[in-house]
Amino acid sequence: MNDLPVSRLEMLRFLERVQLADLERTRRWIAAEGKREVKRRRGEQARPPEPDWLIEQGLNGRAAVYVHLGGCRMAGKRSKGVPRDQALRSLAEGVDACTHCRPDAALGYLEG
């Protein structure tokens, strides 16, 4: 073992090396996070616009069970985007309007 005392200058140089290594690691983390952020933004920009109206299909995939507004969180996975006239037609044909998002009110549809 080396019993020679370490000088204060040597300790400070060691501290500097440790801090430089920490700084380089932090810079790598920042660069990696910047790349992830760019990819996330590109993904958001490439995403197609949300439809204004949705028709939710039943389990059999044929019969429509609900009409929803495009951003309704209650719309199931079997929902597809439709134009306004198809949403209105579905309501007129007896498809239920979602009670959460109320597409009938947004469409100005009055039963009867």
PDB file of N, CA and C in Angstrom:
ATOM      1  N   MET A   1       0.822  -1.199   0.000  1.00  0.00           N
ATOM      2  CA  MET A   1       0.000   0.000   0.000  1.00  0.00           C
ATOM      3  C   MET A   1       0.854   1.245   0.000  1.00  0.00           C
ATOM      4  N   ASN A   2       0.328   2.236  -0.630  1.00  0.00           N
ATOM      5  CA  ASN A   2       1.037   3.500  -0.692  1.00  0.00           C
ATOM      6  C   ASN A   2       0.575   4.372   0.468  1.00  0.00           C
ATOM      7  N   ASP A   3       1.458   4.651   1.389  1.00  0.00           N
ATOM      8  CA  ASP A   3       1.095   5.461   2.562  1.00  0.00           C
ATOM      9  C   ASP A   3       1.414   6.929   2.370  1.00  0.00           C
ATOM     10  N   LEU A   4       1.800   7.313   1.158  1.00  0.00           N
ATOM     11  CA  LEU A   4       2.121   8.713   0.922  1.00  0.00           C
ATOM     12  C   LEU A   4       0.829   9.533   0.908  1.00  0.00           C
ATOM     13  N   PRO A   5       0.840  10.658   1.545  1.00  0.00           N
ATOM     14  CA  PRO A   5      -0.366  11.486   1.551  1.00  0.00           C
ATOM     15  C   PRO A   5      -0.634  12.039   0.147  1.00  0.00           C
ATOM     16  N   VAL A   6      -1.910  12.149  -0.186  1.00  0.00           N
ATOM     17  CA  VAL A   6      -2.328  12.706  -1.467  1.00  0.00           C
ATOM     18  C   VAL A   6      -2.456  14.212  -1.294  1.00  0.00           C
ATOM     19  N   SER A   7      -1.903  14.933  -2.241  1.00  0.00           N
ATOM     20  CA  SER A   7      -1.945  16.392  -2.107  1.00  0.00           C
ATOM     21  C   SER A   7      -3.354  16.906  -2.418  1.00  0.00           C
ATOM     22  N   ARG A   8      -3.635  18.064  -1.947  1.00  0.00           N
ATOM     23  CA  ARG A   8      -4.929  18.705  -2.207  1.00  0.00           C
ATOM     24  C   ARG A   8      -5.112  18.921  -3.709  1.00  0.00           C
ATOM     25  N   LEU A   9      -4.052  19.266  -4.409  1.00  0.00           N
ATOM     26  CA  LEU A   9      -4.116  19.473  -5.847  1.00  0.00           C
ATOM     27  C   LEU A   9      -4.491  18.176  -6.567  1.00  0.00           C
ATOM     28  N   GLU A  10      -3.929  17.049  -6.171  1.00  0.00           N
ATOM     29  CA  GLU A  10      -4.267  15.768  -6.771  1.00  0.00           C
ATOM     30  C   GLU A  10      -5.736  15.411  -6.524  1.00  0.00           C
ATOM     31  N   MET A  11      -6.200  15.698  -5.324  1.00  0.00           N
ATOM     32  CA  MET A  11      -7.614  15.423  -5.007  1.00  0.00           C
ATOM     33  C   MET A  11      -8.534  16.274  -5.869  1.00  0.00           C
ATOM     34  N   LEU A  12      -8.173  17.522  -6.078  1.00  0.00           N
ATOM     35  CA  LEU A  12      -9.004  18.401  -6.904  1.00  0.00           C
ATOM     36  C   LEU A  12      -8.991  17.963  -8.368  1.00  0.00           C
ATOM     37  N   ARG A  13      -7.845  17.491  -8.862  1.00  0.00           N
ATOM     38  CA  ARG A  13      -7.790  16.988 -10.241  1.00  0.00           C
ATOM     39  C   ARG A  13      -8.638  15.725 -10.397  1.00  0.00           C
ATOM     40  N   PHE A  14      -8.595  14.863  -9.368  1.00  0.00           N
ATOM     41  CA  PHE A  14      -9.445  13.668  -9.398  1.00  0.00           C
ATOM     42  C   PHE A  14     -10.919  14.077  -9.426  1.00  0.00           C
ATOM     43  N   LEU A  15     -11.303  15.026  -8.582  1.00  0.00           N
ATOM     44  CA  LEU A  15     -12.675  15.519  -8.551  1.00  0.00           C
ATOM     45  C   LEU A  15     -13.072  16.085  -9.906  1.00  0.00           C
ATOM     46  N   GLU A  16     -12.169  16.789 -10.549  1.00  0.00           N
ATOM     47  CA  GLU A  16     -12.452  17.348 -11.865  1.00  0.00           C
ATOM     48  C   GLU A  16     -12.733  16.245 -12.884  1.00  0.00           C
ATOM     49  N   ARG A  17     -11.916  15.172 -12.865  1.00  0.00           N
ATOM     50  CA  ARG A  17     -12.131  14.055 -13.790  1.00  0.00           C
ATOM     51  C   ARG A  17     -13.496  13.412 -13.557  1.00  0.00           C
ATOM     52  N   VAL A  18     -13.869  13.231 -12.308  1.00  0.00           N
ATOM     53  CA  VAL A  18     -15.174  12.641 -11.983  1.00  0.00           C
ATOM     54  C   VAL A  18     -16.292  13.540 -12.479  1.00  0.00           C
ATOM     55  N   GLN A  19     -16.167  14.839 -12.242  1.00  0.00           N
ATOM     56  CA  GLN A  19     -17.211  15.770 -12.657  1.00  0.00           C
ATOM     57  C   GLN A  19     -17.300  15.866 -14.180  1.00  0.00           C
ATOM     58  N   LEU A  20     -16.179  15.810 -14.882  1.00  0.00           N
ATOM     59  CA  LEU A  20     -16.207  15.815 -16.347  1.00  0.00           C
ATOM     60  C   LEU A  20     -16.899  14.564 -16.873  1.00  0.00           C
ATOM     61  N   ALA A  21     -16.626  13.422 -16.245  1.00  0.00           N
ATOM     62  CA  ALA A  21     -17.301  12.188 -16.662  1.00  0.00           C
ATOM     63  C   ALA A  21     -18.803  12.306 -16.420  1.00  0.00           C
ATOM     64  N   ASP A  22     -19.192  12.878 -15.286  1.00  0.00           N
ATOM     65  CA  ASP A  22     -20.621  13.088 -15.000  1.00  0.00           C
ATOM     66  C   ASP A  22     -21.250  14.032 -16.021  1.00  0.00           C
ATOM     67  N   LEU A  23     -20.531  15.089 -16.367  1.00  0.00           N
ATOM     68  CA  LEU A  23     -21.038  16.058 -17.330  1.00  0.00           C
ATOM     69  C   LEU A  23     -21.223  15.406 -18.701  1.00  0.00           C
ATOM     70  N   GLU A  24     -20.271  14.595 -19.141  1.00  0.00           N
ATOM     71  CA  GLU A  24     -20.401  13.902 -20.424  1.00  0.00           C
ATOM     72  C   GLU A  24     -21.594  12.950 -20.415  1.00  0.00           C
ATOM     73  N   ARG A  25     -21.788  12.245 -19.328  1.00  0.00           N
ATOM     74  CA  ARG A  25     -22.936  11.333 -19.221  1.00  0.00           C
ATOM     75  C   ARG A  25     -24.239  12.124 -19.296  1.00  0.00           C
ATOM     76  N   THR A  26     -24.298  13.250 -18.609  1.00  0.00           N
ATOM     77  CA  THR A  26     -25.496  14.090 -18.643  1.00  0.00           C
ATOM     78  C   THR A  26     -25.748  14.610 -20.051  1.00  0.00           C
ATOM     79  N   ARG A  27     -24.692  14.986 -20.740  1.00  0.00           N
ATOM     80  CA  ARG A  27     -24.851  15.462 -22.116  1.00  0.00           C
ATOM     81  C   ARG A  27     -25.356  14.349 -23.034  1.00  0.00           C
ATOM     82  N   ARG A  28     -24.919  13.117 -22.830  1.00  0.00           N
ATOM     83  CA  ARG A  28     -25.428  11.989 -23.619  1.00  0.00           C
ATOM     84  C   ARG A  28     -26.910  11.782 -23.342  1.00  0.00           C
ATOM     85  N   TRP A  29     -27.296  11.877 -22.068  1.00  0.00           N
ATOM     86  CA  TRP A  29     -28.717  11.732 -21.708  1.00  0.00           C
ATOM     87  C   TRP A  29     -29.551  12.815 -22.391  1.00  0.00           C
ATOM     88  N   ILE A  30     -29.044  14.047 -22.380  1.00  0.00           N
ATOM     89  CA  ILE A  30     -29.759  15.163 -23.007  1.00  0.00           C
ATOM     90  C   ILE A  30     -29.907  14.923 -24.509  1.00  0.00           C
ATOM     91  N   ALA A  31     -28.835  14.474 -25.160  1.00  0.00           N
ATOM     92  CA  ALA A  31     -28.893  14.208 -26.605  1.00  0.00           C
ATOM     93  C   ALA A  31     -29.896  13.098 -26.909  1.00  0.00           C
ATOM     94  N   ALA A  32     -29.884  12.036 -26.106  1.00  0.00           N
ATOM     95  CA  ALA A  32     -30.819  10.925 -26.333  1.00  0.00           C
ATOM     96  C   ALA A  32     -32.256  11.387 -26.120  1.00  0.00           C
ATOM     97  N   GLU A  33     -32.490  12.184 -25.107  1.00  0.00           N
ATOM     98  CA  GLU A  33     -33.845  12.684 -24.845  1.00  0.00           C
ATOM     99  C   GLU A  33     -34.295  13.608 -25.969  1.00  0.00           C
ATOM    100  N   GLY A  34     -33.381  14.419 -26.504  1.00  0.00           N
ATOM    101  CA  GLY A  34     -33.712  15.285 -27.636  1.00  0.00           C
ATOM    102  C   GLY A  34     -34.142  14.475 -28.851  1.00  0.00           C
ATOM    103  N   LYS A  35     -33.450  13.358 -29.119  1.00  0.00           N
ATOM    104  CA  LYS A  35     -33.826  12.499 -30.242  1.00  0.00           C
ATOM    105  C   LYS A  35     -35.200  11.878 -30.016  1.00  0.00           C
ATOM    106  N   ARG A  36     -35.483  11.436 -28.785  1.00  0.00           N
ATOM    107  CA  ARG A  36     -36.806  10.871 -28.488  1.00  0.00           C
ATOM    108  C   ARG A  36     -37.898  11.920 -28.669  1.00  0.00           C
ATOM    109  N   GLU A  37     -37.622  13.144 -28.268  1.00  0.00           N
ATOM    110  CA  GLU A  37     -38.603  14.224 -28.395  1.00  0.00           C
ATOM    111  C   GLU A  37     -38.901  14.520 -29.867  1.00  0.00           C
ATOM    112  N   VAL A  38     -37.862  14.531 -30.703  1.00  0.00           N
ATOM    113  CA  VAL A  38     -38.050  14.763 -32.141  1.00  0.00           C
ATOM    114  C   VAL A  38     -38.906  13.651 -32.745  1.00  0.00           C
ATOM    115  N   LYS A  39     -38.620  12.386 -32.382  1.00  0.00           N
ATOM    116  CA  LYS A  39     -39.412  11.263 -32.898  1.00  0.00           C
ATOM    117  C   LYS A  39     -40.865  11.367 -32.442  1.00  0.00           C
ATOM    118  N   ARG A  40     -41.076  11.758 -31.186  1.00  0.00           N
ATOM    119  CA  ARG A  40     -42.443  11.893 -30.665  1.00  0.00           C
ATOM    120  C   ARG A  40     -43.205  12.967 -31.442  1.00  0.00           C
ATOM    121  N   ARG A  41     -42.553  14.096 -31.681  1.00  0.00           N
ATOM    122  CA  ARG A  41     -43.210  15.186 -32.426  1.00  0.00           C
ATOM    123  C   ARG A  41     -43.532  14.769 -33.848  1.00  0.00           C
ATOM    124  N   ARG A  42     -42.601  14.069 -34.497  1.00  0.00           N
ATOM    125  CA  ARG A  42     -42.854  13.595 -35.866  1.00  0.00           C
ATOM    126  C   ARG A  42     -44.044  12.640 -35.889  1.00  0.00           C
ATOM    127  N   GLY A  43     -44.104  11.767 -34.880  1.00  0.00           N
ATOM    128  CA  GLY A  43     -45.219  10.836 -34.794  1.00  0.00           C
ATOM    129  C   GLY A  43     -46.544  11.560 -34.633  1.00  0.00           C
ATOM    130  N   GLU A  44     -46.563  12.590 -33.796  1.00  0.00           N
ATOM    131  CA  GLU A  44     -47.794  13.364 -33.608  1.00  0.00           C
ATOM    132  C   GLU A  44     -48.203  14.069 -34.897  1.00  0.00           C
ATOM    133  N   GLN A  45     -47.233  14.616 -35.608  1.00  0.00           N
ATOM    134  CA  GLN A  45     -47.533  15.333 -36.850  1.00  0.00           C
ATOM    135  C   GLN A  45     -47.983  14.381 -37.949  1.00  0.00           C
ATOM    136  N   ALA A  46     -47.477  13.158 -37.936  1.00  0.00           N
ATOM    137  CA  ALA A  46     -47.829  12.186 -38.972  1.00  0.00           C
ATOM    138  C   ALA A  46     -49.166  11.505 -38.700  1.00  0.00           C
ATOM    139  N   ARG A  47     -49.650  11.621 -37.469  1.00  0.00           N
ATOM    140  CA  ARG A  47     -50.909  10.979 -37.108  1.00  0.00           C
ATOM    141  C   ARG A  47     -52.055  11.615 -37.885  1.00  0.00           C
ATOM    142  N   PRO A  48     -52.941  10.806 -38.444  1.00  0.00           N
ATOM    143  CA  PRO A  48     -54.076  11.381 -39.169  1.00  0.00           C
ATOM    144  C   PRO A  48     -54.987  12.137 -38.201  1.00  0.00           C
ATOM    145  N   PRO A  49     -55.707  13.129 -38.703  1.00  0.00           N
ATOM    146  CA  PRO A  49     -56.586  13.883 -37.813  1.00  0.00           C
ATOM    147  C   PRO A  49     -57.688  12.989 -37.245  1.00  0.00           C
ATOM    148  N   GLU A  50     -58.098  13.333 -36.049  1.00  0.00           N
ATOM    149  CA  GLU A  50     -59.167  12.585 -35.387  1.00  0.00           C
ATOM    150  C   GLU A  50     -60.481  12.828 -36.124  1.00  0.00           C
ATOM    151  N   PRO A  51     -61.260  11.776 -36.362  1.00  0.00           N
ATOM    152  CA  PRO A  51     -62.544  11.985 -37.053  1.00  0.00           C
ATOM    153  C   PRO A  51     -63.506  12.761 -36.153  1.00  0.00           C
ATOM    154  N   ASP A  52     -64.440  13.459 -36.781  1.00  0.00           N
ATOM    155  CA  ASP A  52     -65.428  14.223 -36.010  1.00  0.00           C
ATOM    156  C   ASP A  52     -66.486  13.311 -35.390  1.00  0.00           C
ATOM    157  N   TRP A  53     -66.776  12.196 -36.057  1.00  0.00           N
ATOM    158  CA  TRP A  53     -67.846  11.304 -35.607  1.00  0.00           C
ATOM    159  C   TRP A  53     -67.373   9.856 -35.665  1.00  0.00           C
ATOM    160  N   LEU A  54     -67.864   9.048 -34.757  1.00  0.00           N
ATOM    161  CA  LEU A  54     -67.509   7.632 -34.723  1.00  0.00           C
ATOM    162  C   LEU A  54     -68.772   6.783 -34.656  1.00  0.00           C
ATOM    163  N   ILE A  55     -68.706   5.634 -35.289  1.00  0.00           N
ATOM    164  CA  ILE A  55     -69.754   4.621 -35.146  1.00  0.00           C
ATOM    165  C   ILE A  55     -69.087   3.422 -34.480  1.00  0.00           C
ATOM    166  N   GLU A  56     -69.644   3.001 -33.357  1.00  0.00           N
ATOM    167  CA  GLU A  56     -69.120   1.831 -32.651  1.00  0.00           C
ATOM    168  C   GLU A  56     -69.914   0.599 -33.077  1.00  0.00           C
ATOM    169  N   GLN A  57     -69.195  -0.408 -33.538  1.00  0.00           N
ATOM    170  CA  GLN A  57     -69.816  -1.650 -33.993  1.00  0.00           C
ATOM    171  C   GLN A  57     -70.014  -2.596 -32.814  1.00  0.00           C
ATOM    172  N   GLY A  58     -71.007  -3.450 -32.927  1.00  0.00           N
ATOM    173  CA  GLY A  58     -71.245  -4.452 -31.898  1.00  0.00           C
ATOM    174  C   GLY A  58     -70.237  -5.588 -31.993  1.00  0.00           C
ATOM    175  N   LEU A  59     -70.394  -6.576 -31.140  1.00  0.00           N
ATOM    176  CA  LEU A  59     -69.474  -7.703 -31.107  1.00  0.00           C
ATOM    177  C   LEU A  59     -69.433  -8.479 -32.415  1.00  0.00           C
ATOM    178  N   ASN A  60     -70.553  -8.534 -33.094  1.00  0.00           N
ATOM    179  CA  ASN A  60     -70.571  -9.267 -34.360  1.00  0.00           C
ATOM    180  C   ASN A  60     -69.915  -8.483 -35.493  1.00  0.00           C
ATOM    181  N   GLY A  61     -69.596  -7.211 -35.247  1.00  0.00           N
ATOM    182  CA  GLY A  61     -68.915  -6.393 -36.242  1.00  0.00           C
ATOM    183  C   GLY A  61     -69.808  -5.821 -37.314  1.00  0.00           C
ATOM    184  N   ARG A  62     -71.087  -6.111 -37.247  1.00  0.00           N
ATOM    185  CA  ARG A  62     -71.997  -5.630 -38.291  1.00  0.00           C
ATOM    186  C   ARG A  62     -72.899  -4.520 -37.782  1.00  0.00           C
ATOM    187  N   ALA A  63     -73.636  -4.785 -36.742  1.00  0.00           N
ATOM    188  CA  ALA A  63     -74.626  -3.826 -36.264  1.00  0.00           C
ATOM    189  C   ALA A  63     -73.953  -2.700 -35.483  1.00  0.00           C
ATOM    190  N   ALA A  64     -74.312  -1.465 -35.833  1.00  0.00           N
ATOM    191  CA  ALA A  64     -73.811  -0.315 -35.084  1.00  0.00           C
ATOM    192  C   ALA A  64     -74.566  -0.232 -33.765  1.00  0.00           C
ATOM    193  N   VAL A  65     -73.834   0.060 -32.684  1.00  0.00           N
ATOM    194  CA  VAL A  65     -74.486   0.135 -31.380  1.00  0.00           C
ATOM    195  C   VAL A  65     -74.487   1.546 -30.799  1.00  0.00           C
ATOM    196  N   TYR A  66     -73.493   2.361 -31.139  1.00  0.00           N
ATOM    197  CA  TYR A  66     -73.442   3.730 -30.621  1.00  0.00           C
ATOM    198  C   TYR A  66     -72.857   4.676 -31.658  1.00  0.00           C
ATOM    199  N   VAL A  67     -73.304   5.924 -31.574  1.00  0.00           N
ATOM    200  CA  VAL A  67     -72.684   7.022 -32.306  1.00  0.00           C
ATOM    201  C   VAL A  67     -71.958   7.856 -31.264  1.00  0.00           C
ATOM    202  N   HIS A  68     -70.714   8.256 -31.551  1.00  0.00           N
ATOM    203  CA  HIS A  68     -69.896   9.037 -30.623  1.00  0.00           C
ATOM    204  C   HIS A  68     -69.336  10.269 -31.324  1.00  0.00           C
ATOM    205  N   LEU A  69     -68.955  11.264 -30.528  1.00  0.00           N
ATOM    206  CA  LEU A  69     -68.123  12.351 -31.028  1.00  0.00           C
ATOM    207  C   LEU A  69     -66.718  11.795 -31.226  1.00  0.00           C
ATOM    208  N   GLY A  70     -65.941  12.405 -32.097  1.00  0.00           N
ATOM    209  CA  GLY A  70     -64.618  11.891 -32.430  1.00  0.00           C
ATOM    210  C   GLY A  70     -63.674  11.679 -31.269  1.00  0.00           C
ATOM    211  N   GLY A  71     -63.704  12.506 -30.271  1.00  0.00           N
ATOM    212  CA  GLY A  71     -62.756  12.374 -29.166  1.00  0.00           C
ATOM    213  C   GLY A  71     -63.309  11.674 -27.950  1.00  0.00           C
ATOM    214  N   CYS A  72     -64.442  11.016 -28.072  1.00  0.00           N
ATOM    215  CA  CYS A  72     -65.095  10.392 -26.914  1.00  0.00           C
ATOM    216  C   CYS A  72     -64.238   9.257 -26.349  1.00  0.00           C
ATOM    217  N   ARG A  73     -63.984   9.330 -25.067  1.00  0.00           N
ATOM    218  CA  ARG A  73     -63.188   8.292 -24.399  1.00  0.00           C
ATOM    219  C   ARG A  73     -63.993   7.024 -24.142  1.00  0.00           C
ATOM    220  N   MET A  74     -65.283   7.093 -24.319  1.00  0.00           N
ATOM    221  CA  MET A  74     -66.122   5.919 -24.099  1.00  0.00           C
ATOM    222  C   MET A  74     -66.246   5.058 -25.358  1.00  0.00           C
ATOM    223  N   ALA A  75     -65.767   5.577 -26.480  1.00  0.00           N
ATOM    224  CA  ALA A  75     -65.843   4.815 -27.732  1.00  0.00           C
ATOM    225  C   ALA A  75     -64.946   3.588 -27.626  1.00  0.00           C
ATOM    226  N   GLY A  76     -65.488   2.452 -28.007  1.00  0.00           N
ATOM    227  CA  GLY A  76     -64.738   1.207 -27.923  1.00  0.00           C
ATOM    228  C   GLY A  76     -63.765   1.032 -29.078  1.00  0.00           C
ATOM    229  N   LYS A  77     -63.015  -0.059 -29.017  1.00  0.00           N
ATOM    230  CA  LYS A  77     -62.010  -0.349 -30.040  1.00  0.00           C
ATOM    231  C   LYS A  77     -62.629  -0.694 -31.389  1.00  0.00           C
ATOM    232  N   ARG A  78     -63.888  -1.031 -31.391  1.00  0.00           N
ATOM    233  CA  ARG A  78     -64.556  -1.392 -32.651  1.00  0.00           C
ATOM    234  C   ARG A  78     -65.231  -0.173 -33.275  1.00  0.00           C
ATOM    235  N   SER A  79     -64.701   1.008 -33.020  1.00  0.00           N
ATOM    236  CA  SER A  79     -65.263   2.248 -33.568  1.00  0.00           C
ATOM    237  C   SER A  79     -64.496   2.661 -34.808  1.00  0.00           C
ATOM    238  N   LYS A  80     -65.211   3.290 -35.736  1.00  0.00           N
ATOM    239  CA  LYS A  80     -64.558   3.806 -36.942  1.00  0.00           C
ATOM    240  C   LYS A  80     -65.096   5.197 -37.231  1.00  0.00           C
ATOM    241  N   GLY A  81     -64.251   6.004 -37.840  1.00  0.00           N
ATOM    242  CA  GLY A  81     -64.635   7.359 -38.201  1.00  0.00           C
ATOM    243  C   GLY A  81     -65.623   7.370 -39.354  1.00  0.00           C
ATOM    244  N   VAL A  82     -66.610   8.249 -39.256  1.00  0.00           N
ATOM    245  CA  VAL A  82     -67.616   8.377 -40.314  1.00  0.00           C
ATOM    246  C   VAL A  82     -67.888   9.853 -40.561  1.00  0.00           C
ATOM    247  N   PRO A  83     -68.399  10.192 -41.762  1.00  0.00           N
ATOM    248  CA  PRO A  83     -68.773  11.588 -42.021  1.00  0.00           C
ATOM    249  C   PRO A  83     -70.051  11.962 -41.255  1.00  0.00           C
ATOM    250  N   ARG A  84     -70.294  13.246 -41.177  1.00  0.00           N
ATOM    251  CA  ARG A  84     -71.434  13.780 -40.434  1.00  0.00           C
ATOM    252  C   ARG A  84     -72.766  13.184 -40.900  1.00  0.00           C
ATOM    253  N   ASP A  85     -72.961  13.106 -42.201  1.00  0.00           N
ATOM    254  CA  ASP A  85     -74.243  12.610 -42.711  1.00  0.00           C
ATOM    255  C   ASP A  85     -74.485  11.147 -42.320  1.00  0.00           C
ATOM    256  N   GLN A  86     -73.434  10.352 -42.266  1.00  0.00           N
ATOM    257  CA  GLN A  86     -73.608   8.957 -41.852  1.00  0.00           C
ATOM    258  C   GLN A  86     -73.928   8.868 -40.361  1.00  0.00           C
ATOM    259  N   ALA A  87     -73.333   9.735 -39.555  1.00  0.00           N
ATOM    260  CA  ALA A  87     -73.645   9.757 -38.122  1.00  0.00           C
ATOM    261  C   ALA A  87     -75.113  10.136 -37.922  1.00  0.00           C
ATOM    262  N   LEU A  88     -75.583  11.144 -38.650  1.00  0.00           N
ATOM    263  CA  LEU A  88     -76.990  11.548 -38.561  1.00  0.00           C
ATOM    264  C   LEU A  88     -77.922  10.427 -39.027  1.00  0.00           C
ATOM    265  N   ARG A  89     -77.561   9.804 -40.125  1.00  0.00           N
ATOM    266  CA  ARG A  89     -78.374   8.709 -40.662  1.00  0.00           C
ATOM    267  C   ARG A  89     -78.452   7.552 -39.658  1.00  0.00           C
ATOM    268  N   SER A  90     -77.340   7.243 -39.016  1.00  0.00           N
ATOM    269  CA  SER A  90     -77.334   6.169 -38.024  1.00  0.00           C
ATOM    270  C   SER A  90     -78.252   6.484 -36.854  1.00  0.00           C
ATOM    271  N   LEU A  91     -78.229   7.728 -36.388  1.00  0.00           N
ATOM    272  CA  LEU A  91     -79.137   8.120 -35.304  1.00  0.00           C
ATOM    273  C   LEU A  91     -80.591   7.982 -35.752  1.00  0.00           C
ATOM    274  N   ALA A  92     -80.872   8.419 -36.977  1.00  0.00           N
ATOM    275  CA  ALA A  92     -82.242   8.330 -37.506  1.00  0.00           C
ATOM    276  C   ALA A  92     -82.683   6.877 -37.659  1.00  0.00           C
ATOM    277  N   GLU A  93     -81.732   5.978 -37.892  1.00  0.00           N
ATOM    278  CA  GLU A  93     -82.058   4.556 -38.047  1.00  0.00           C
ATOM    279  C   GLU A  93     -82.159   3.835 -36.703  1.00  0.00           C
ATOM    280  N   GLY A  94     -81.993   4.565 -35.612  1.00  0.00           N
ATOM    281  CA  GLY A  94     -82.178   3.965 -34.300  1.00  0.00           C
ATOM    282  C   GLY A  94     -80.926   3.580 -33.543  1.00  0.00           C
ATOM    283  N   VAL A  95     -79.762   3.908 -34.076  1.00  0.00           N
ATOM    284  CA  VAL A  95     -78.523   3.637 -33.335  1.00  0.00           C
ATOM    285  C   VAL A  95     -78.473   4.609 -32.163  1.00  0.00           C
ATOM    286  N   ASP A  96     -78.148   4.102 -30.989  1.00  0.00           N
ATOM    287  CA  ASP A  96     -78.117   4.939 -29.785  1.00  0.00           C
ATOM    288  C   ASP A  96     -76.978   5.951 -29.832  1.00  0.00           C
ATOM    289  N   ALA A  97     -77.264   7.125 -29.290  1.00  0.00           N
ATOM    290  CA  ALA A  97     -76.230   8.137 -29.122  1.00  0.00           C
ATOM    291  C   ALA A  97     -75.536   7.877 -27.791  1.00  0.00           C
ATOM    292  N   CYS A  98     -74.240   8.047 -27.763  1.00  0.00           N
ATOM    293  CA  CYS A  98     -73.484   7.889 -26.525  1.00  0.00           C
ATOM    294  C   CYS A  98     -73.998   8.897 -25.511  1.00  0.00           C
ATOM    295  N   THR A  99     -74.290   8.431 -24.309  1.00  0.00           N
ATOM    296  CA  THR A  99     -74.807   9.332 -23.276  1.00  0.00           C
ATOM    297  C   THR A  99     -73.689  10.143 -22.633  1.00  0.00           C
ATOM    298  N   HIS A 100     -72.464   9.771 -22.919  1.00  0.00           N
ATOM    299  CA  HIS A 100     -71.320  10.492 -22.347  1.00  0.00           C
ATOM    300  C   HIS A 100     -70.973  11.738 -23.169  1.00  0.00           C
ATOM    301  N   CYS A 101     -70.839  11.570 -24.491  1.00  0.00           N
ATOM    302  CA  CYS A 101     -70.401  12.684 -25.337  1.00  0.00           C
ATOM    303  C   CYS A 101     -71.551  13.397 -26.050  1.00  0.00           C
ATOM    304  N   ARG A 102     -72.730  12.808 -26.077  1.00  0.00           N
ATOM    305  CA  ARG A 102     -73.942  13.402 -26.643  1.00  0.00           C
ATOM    306  C   ARG A 102     -73.781  13.893 -28.084  1.00  0.00           C
ATOM    307  N   PRO A 103     -73.481  12.989 -29.019  1.00  0.00           N
ATOM    308  CA  PRO A 103     -73.336  13.411 -30.412  1.00  0.00           C
ATOM    309  C   PRO A 103     -74.645  13.896 -31.012  1.00  0.00           C
ATOM    310  N   ASP A 104     -75.765  13.412 -30.483  1.00  0.00           N
ATOM    311  CA  ASP A 104     -77.058  13.867 -30.999  1.00  0.00           C
ATOM    312  C   ASP A 104     -77.225  15.365 -30.789  1.00  0.00           C
ATOM    313  N   ALA A 105     -76.820  15.858 -29.625  1.00  0.00           N
ATOM    314  CA  ALA A 105     -76.904  17.300 -29.351  1.00  0.00           C
ATOM    315  C   ALA A 105     -75.936  18.068 -30.249  1.00  0.00           C
ATOM    316  N   ALA A 106     -74.725  17.528 -30.408  1.00  0.00           N
ATOM    317  CA  ALA A 106     -73.730  18.212 -31.242  1.00  0.00           C
ATOM    318  C   ALA A 106     -74.162  18.240 -32.705  1.00  0.00           C
ATOM    319  N   LEU A 107     -74.893  17.225 -33.130  1.00  0.00           N
ATOM    320  CA  LEU A 107     -75.372  17.162 -34.509  1.00  0.00           C
ATOM    321  C   LEU A 107     -76.681  17.927 -34.700  1.00  0.00           C
ATOM    322  N   GLY A 108     -77.277  18.355 -33.624  1.00  0.00           N
ATOM    323  CA  GLY A 108     -78.570  19.029 -33.722  1.00  0.00           C
ATOM    324  C   GLY A 108     -79.693  18.078 -34.052  1.00  0.00           C
ATOM    325  N   TYR A 109     -79.531  16.805 -33.694  1.00  0.00           N
ATOM    326  CA  TYR A 109     -80.525  15.784 -33.991  1.00  0.00           C
ATOM    327  C   TYR A 109     -81.568  15.753 -32.884  1.00  0.00           C
ATOM    328  N   LEU A 110     -82.828  15.918 -33.256  1.00  0.00           N
ATOM    329  CA  LEU A 110     -83.936  15.839 -32.304  1.00  0.00           C
ATOM    330  C   LEU A 110     -84.764  14.634 -32.671  1.00  0.00           C
ATOM    331  N   GLU A 111     -84.920  13.718 -31.737  1.00  0.00           N
ATOM    332  CA  GLU A 111     -85.734  12.502 -32.001  1.00  0.00           C
ATOM    333  C   GLU A 111     -87.178  12.883 -32.278  1.00  0.00           C
ATOM    334  N   GLY A 112     -87.775  12.080 -33.146  1.00  0.00           N
ATOM    335  CA  GLY A 112     -89.198  12.266 -33.351  1.00  0.00           C
ATOM    336  C   GLY A 112     -89.445  12.881 -34.639  1.00  0.00           C
TER     337      GLY A 112
END
